[in-house]
Amino acid sequence: MIISPYPIVSAIVVVVVLAILLASFKVLCEYQRGVIFLFGRFQAVKGPGIIVLIPVMQQMVRIDLRTIVMDVPPQDVISRDNVPVKVNAVILFRIIDPEKAVIQVEDAREATSQLAQTTLRSVLGQHELDEMLSERDKLNRDIQLILDQHTDAWGIKVSNVEIKQVDLDEGMIRAIARQAEAERQRRAKIINAEGEQQAAQKLMEAAQTMMQQPQSIQLRYLQTLVEIAGDKSSTIAFPLPLDLIEPLLGRARGATAGGTPPSA
């Protein structure tokens, strides 16, 4: 009995056709798009959902539209005031034009990473160390704007750039600490000098007021004696100013001149 080969060949053909048809169906998620090429030429951007491709004739490249968080490796940067530092950052970007992201650049993620590294070194090298430490928001915006301008041709939108850390060597940290201590001492001396100047001004004004009223000088003298004495039992010798006894001497002279002895 001879078995015909036609049923077997037919079954194989059916299986191959079904496999090809199944391979022609592609499912894209909500955050994915498919860039379709027909014989190597761009045809359309499709998705999300089920995509049917013509085998051999059409090819598809999947593109993820979600925001990508990328760490920029630590970069050696020489600041404008010649201070060596290591700076790392994080970049948030996403693809907004799948056609450009596939056609205009070979690897959009790697290209963005390399551009971010060079831009980070270039921008920070134009600023001094103090600006790197105190004006990070401004530097973040500058880097973000530069990256966004360059990646626009690739269909990429850079939404945010954040400088994570600025590392200094131990010698530079000690030098900055000494500088900060010297600055604090300078400010303390200035504040002390301003206080002495204000106190001297007030004392001069008080002296001018007392000169207009001689009795106030005597009252101030007596008050000072009370403050010196306090509750202490020690003996304190102090001079008696002539201004205090001058009125008494004047009355004594007047009494003597009139022939009347001064009263005790």
Protein backbone atom coordinates (compact mmCIF):
# COMPACT_ATOMS: atom_id res chain seq x y z
CA MET A 1 0.00 0.00 0.00
CA ILE A 2 1.43 3.33 -1.09
CA ILE A 3 0.78 6.39 1.11
CA SER A 4 0.40 9.61 -0.81
CA PRO A 5 2.83 12.38 0.31
CA TYR A 6 0.38 15.12 -0.54
CA PRO A 7 -1.52 15.15 2.79
CA ILE A 8 1.76 15.41 4.74
CA VAL A 9 3.04 18.23 2.55
CA SER A 10 -0.28 19.98 2.85
CA ALA A 11 -0.18 19.73 6.63
CA ILE A 12 3.34 21.13 6.69
CA VAL A 13 2.33 23.98 4.44
CA VAL A 14 -0.66 24.75 6.65
CA VAL A 15 1.51 24.78 9.77
CA VAL A 16 4.06 27.08 8.13
CA VAL A 17 1.35 29.43 6.92
CA LEU A 18 -0.23 29.55 10.37
CA ALA A 19 3.14 30.24 11.96
CA ILE A 20 3.76 33.06 9.51
CA LEU A 21 0.32 34.51 10.14
CA LEU A 22 0.79 34.31 13.91
CA ALA A 23 4.18 35.99 13.58
CA SER A 24 2.54 38.75 11.59
CA PHE A 25 0.42 39.82 14.56
CA LYS A 26 2.12 42.17 17.02
CA VAL A 27 0.60 43.51 20.24
CA LEU A 28 1.70 46.93 21.47
CA CYS A 29 0.95 48.18 24.99
CA GLU A 30 -0.50 51.59 25.73
CA TYR A 31 2.96 53.08 26.33
CA GLN A 32 4.48 51.54 23.17
CA ARG A 33 4.54 52.55 19.54
CA GLY A 34 5.68 50.65 16.46
CA VAL A 35 7.71 52.30 13.70
CA ILE A 36 6.80 50.40 10.51
CA PHE A 37 9.18 50.04 7.55
CA LEU A 38 8.14 48.75 4.14
CA PHE A 39 11.08 47.28 2.26
CA GLY A 40 13.36 49.40 4.44
CA ARG A 41 11.51 52.66 3.88
CA PHE A 42 9.59 54.41 6.66
CA GLN A 43 5.87 53.84 6.31
CA ALA A 44 4.03 54.81 9.51
CA VAL A 45 3.93 54.86 13.31
CA LYS A 46 1.27 52.54 14.70
CA GLY A 47 -0.06 51.48 18.07
CA PRO A 48 -1.14 50.74 20.67
CA GLY A 49 -3.12 47.53 20.10
CA ILE A 50 -2.81 44.74 17.54
CA ILE A 51 -0.58 45.41 14.53
CA VAL A 52 -0.60 43.19 11.46
CA LEU A 53 2.64 43.06 9.46
CA ILE A 54 3.17 41.62 6.02
CA PRO A 55 5.93 39.04 6.40
CA VAL A 56 9.23 39.84 4.69
CA MET A 57 7.83 43.09 3.31
CA GLN A 58 7.34 44.97 6.58
CA GLN A 59 9.47 45.31 9.70
CA MET A 60 8.65 47.01 13.00
CA VAL A 61 10.76 48.69 15.70
CA ARG A 62 9.21 48.99 19.17
CA ILE A 63 9.57 52.31 20.98
CA ASP A 64 8.83 52.89 24.67
CA LEU A 65 7.24 56.28 25.39
CA ARG A 66 7.57 56.20 29.18
CA THR A 67 9.86 58.58 31.06
CA ILE A 68 13.38 57.20 31.41
CA VAL A 69 15.45 57.91 34.51
CA MET A 70 19.16 57.92 33.69
CA ASP A 71 22.09 58.27 36.07
CA VAL A 72 25.00 60.28 34.70
CA PRO A 73 28.28 58.71 35.92
CA PRO A 74 30.53 60.92 38.09
CA GLN A 75 32.39 63.41 35.92
CA ASP A 76 35.73 65.06 36.66
CA VAL A 77 35.16 68.80 36.42
CA ILE A 78 37.60 71.71 36.84
CA SER A 79 35.68 74.76 38.05
CA ARG A 80 36.40 78.28 36.84
CA ASP A 81 38.43 78.93 40.00
CA ASN A 82 40.55 75.80 39.29
CA VAL A 83 39.00 73.49 41.88
CA PRO A 84 38.81 69.78 40.85
CA VAL A 85 35.49 68.15 41.74
CA LYS A 86 33.50 65.04 40.86
CA VAL A 87 29.88 65.67 39.90
CA ASN A 88 27.11 63.20 39.12
CA ALA A 89 23.55 63.87 38.07
CA VAL A 90 20.25 62.27 37.09
CA ILE A 91 18.31 63.01 33.89
CA LEU A 92 14.63 62.43 33.16
CA PHE A 93 13.65 62.23 29.50
CA ARG A 94 11.18 60.51 27.18
CA ILE A 95 10.66 59.92 23.48
CA ILE A 96 7.95 62.12 21.98
CA ASP A 97 8.59 61.39 18.28
CA PRO A 98 9.20 57.66 17.62
CA GLU A 99 10.02 58.28 13.95
CA LYS A 100 12.95 60.61 14.74
CA ALA A 101 14.12 58.42 17.63
CA VAL A 102 14.56 55.48 15.24
CA ILE A 103 15.70 57.20 12.04
CA GLN A 104 17.78 60.15 13.26
CA VAL A 105 19.91 58.39 15.89
CA GLU A 106 21.24 54.86 16.22
CA ASP A 107 20.73 54.50 19.98
CA ALA A 108 18.69 57.30 21.53
CA ARG A 109 19.42 56.29 25.13
CA GLU A 110 23.19 56.02 24.66
CA ALA A 111 23.33 59.25 22.65
CA THR A 112 21.45 61.12 25.39
CA SER A 113 23.77 59.70 28.06
CA GLN A 114 26.94 60.75 26.22
CA LEU A 115 25.54 64.20 25.47
CA ALA A 116 24.55 64.64 29.13
CA GLN A 117 28.09 63.83 30.30
CA THR A 118 29.77 66.31 27.98
CA THR A 119 27.17 69.02 28.71
CA LEU A 120 27.58 68.53 32.45
CA ARG A 121 31.34 69.05 32.24
CA SER A 122 31.01 72.01 29.88
CA VAL A 123 28.39 73.91 31.90
CA LEU A 124 29.88 73.34 35.35
CA GLY A 125 33.37 74.22 34.13
CA GLN A 126 32.13 77.76 33.48
CA HIS A 127 31.17 78.34 37.13
CA GLU A 128 33.05 78.65 40.38
CA LEU A 129 32.80 76.13 43.21
CA ASP A 130 30.60 78.38 45.34
CA GLU A 131 28.08 78.60 42.49
CA MET A 132 28.05 74.81 42.11
CA LEU A 133 27.19 74.44 45.79
CA SER A 134 24.72 77.29 46.19
CA GLU A 135 23.06 77.72 42.77
CA ARG A 136 22.14 74.19 41.79
CA ASP A 137 18.66 75.12 40.61
CA LYS A 138 20.08 77.57 38.07
CA LEU A 139 22.69 75.08 36.88
CA ASN A 140 20.03 72.36 36.55
CA ARG A 141 17.93 74.62 34.34
CA ASP A 142 20.91 75.58 32.18
CA ILE A 143 21.88 71.95 31.59
CA GLN A 144 18.27 70.93 30.92
CA LEU A 145 17.80 73.67 28.31
CA ILE A 146 21.01 72.75 26.47
CA LEU A 147 20.19 69.04 26.43
CA ASP A 148 16.62 69.68 25.32
CA GLN A 149 17.79 71.80 22.39
CA HIS A 150 20.23 69.14 21.16
CA THR A 151 17.91 66.14 21.64
CA ASP A 152 14.94 67.79 19.93
CA ALA A 153 16.27 66.58 16.55
CA TRP A 154 16.13 63.00 17.94
CA GLY A 155 12.51 63.27 19.04
CA ILE A 156 13.51 63.30 22.72
CA LYS A 157 12.22 65.66 25.41
CA VAL A 158 14.48 66.23 28.44
CA SER A 159 12.07 67.16 31.22
CA ASN A 160 14.41 67.50 34.20
CA VAL A 161 18.07 67.48 35.24
CA GLU A 162 19.21 67.25 38.86
CA ILE A 163 22.79 67.50 40.11
CA LYS A 164 22.94 64.83 42.80
CA GLN A 165 26.32 65.32 44.47
CA VAL A 166 29.46 67.45 44.24
CA ASP A 167 32.44 65.60 45.75
CA LEU A 168 35.64 67.33 46.88
CA ASP A 169 38.94 65.83 48.01
CA GLU A 170 39.92 66.00 51.69
CA GLY A 171 42.45 68.80 51.22
CA MET A 172 39.89 71.03 49.53
CA ILE A 173 37.32 70.29 52.25
CA ARG A 174 39.80 71.39 54.93
CA ALA A 175 40.65 74.53 52.95
CA ILE A 176 36.97 75.42 52.63
CA ALA A 177 36.48 74.83 56.36
CA ARG A 178 39.37 77.19 57.15
CA GLN A 179 37.96 79.78 54.77
CA ALA A 180 34.54 79.54 56.41
CA GLU A 181 36.08 79.90 59.88
CA ALA A 182 38.05 82.96 58.77
CA GLU A 183 34.89 84.46 57.31
CA ARG A 184 33.02 83.91 60.60
CA GLN A 185 35.84 85.55 62.57
CA ARG A 186 35.85 88.49 60.17
CA ARG A 187 32.12 88.99 60.61
CA ALA A 188 32.44 88.70 64.41
CA LYS A 189 35.15 91.38 64.47
CA ILE A 190 33.08 93.66 62.27
CA ILE A 191 30.04 93.22 64.51
CA ASN A 192 32.17 93.86 67.62
CA ALA A 193 33.70 97.00 66.09
CA GLU A 194 30.27 98.28 65.07
CA GLY A 195 29.01 97.66 68.60
CA GLU A 196 31.91 99.59 70.12
CA GLN A 197 31.35 102.43 67.66
CA GLN A 198 27.67 102.64 68.57
CA ALA A 199 28.50 102.46 72.29
CA ALA A 200 31.08 105.26 71.94
CA GLN A 201 28.54 107.38 70.10
CA LYS A 202 25.98 106.89 72.86
CA LEU A 203 28.57 107.66 75.56
CA MET A 204 29.51 110.87 73.78
CA GLU A 205 25.87 111.89 73.57
CA ALA A 206 25.43 111.08 77.28
CA ALA A 207 28.51 113.13 78.19
CA GLN A 208 27.22 116.10 76.22
CA THR A 209 23.89 115.86 78.04
CA MET A 210 25.61 115.70 81.45
CA MET A 211 27.77 118.71 80.61
CA GLN A 212 24.61 120.75 80.15
CA GLN A 213 23.41 119.69 83.64
CA PRO A 214 26.33 119.52 86.14
CA GLN A 215 24.04 118.04 88.81
CA SER A 216 23.59 114.95 86.69
CA ILE A 217 27.35 114.31 86.86
CA GLN A 218 27.20 114.35 90.65
CA LEU A 219 24.22 111.98 90.67
CA ARG A 220 26.01 109.65 88.31
CA TYR A 221 29.08 109.71 90.54
CA LEU A 222 27.03 108.80 93.59
CA GLN A 223 25.31 106.01 91.68
CA THR A 224 28.70 104.62 90.66
CA LEU A 225 29.80 104.60 94.29
CA VAL A 226 26.73 102.60 95.23
CA GLU A 227 27.41 100.09 92.45
CA ILE A 228 31.05 99.71 93.53
CA ALA A 229 30.21 99.22 97.18
CA GLY A 230 27.38 96.73 96.75
CA ASP A 231 27.16 94.14 99.50
CA LYS A 232 30.90 93.71 99.87
CA SER A 233 32.53 94.39 103.21
CA SER A 234 35.91 95.39 101.80
CA THR A 235 37.22 98.93 102.12
CA ILE A 236 37.34 100.98 98.96
CA ALA A 237 39.29 104.24 98.69
CA PHE A 238 38.05 106.66 96.03
CA PRO A 239 38.80 110.33 95.29
CA LEU A 240 36.24 113.00 95.97
CA PRO A 241 35.77 115.12 92.85
CA LEU A 242 35.96 118.89 93.20
CA ASP A 243 32.75 119.28 91.26
CA LEU A 244 30.92 117.60 94.11
CA ILE A 245 32.30 119.77 96.87
CA GLU A 246 32.65 123.00 94.93
CA PRO A 247 29.21 124.29 95.99
CA LEU A 248 30.08 123.64 99.62
CA LEU A 249 33.39 125.44 99.30
CA GLY A 250 31.65 128.35 97.64
CA ARG A 251 29.24 128.78 100.55
CA ALA A 252 32.10 128.48 103.00
CA ARG A 253 34.04 131.26 101.31
CA GLY A 254 30.97 133.46 101.24
CA ALA A 255 30.33 132.94 104.93
CA THR A 256 33.94 133.66 105.81
CA ALA A 257 33.95 136.85 103.80
CA GLY A 258 30.79 138.04 105.59
CA GLY A 259 32.29 137.44 109.04
CA THR A 260 29.94 134.65 109.89
CA PRO A 261 31.57 131.37 110.70
CA PRO A 262 30.30 128.49 108.58
CA SER A 263 27.82 126.27 110.29
CA ALA A 264 28.90 122.79 111.09
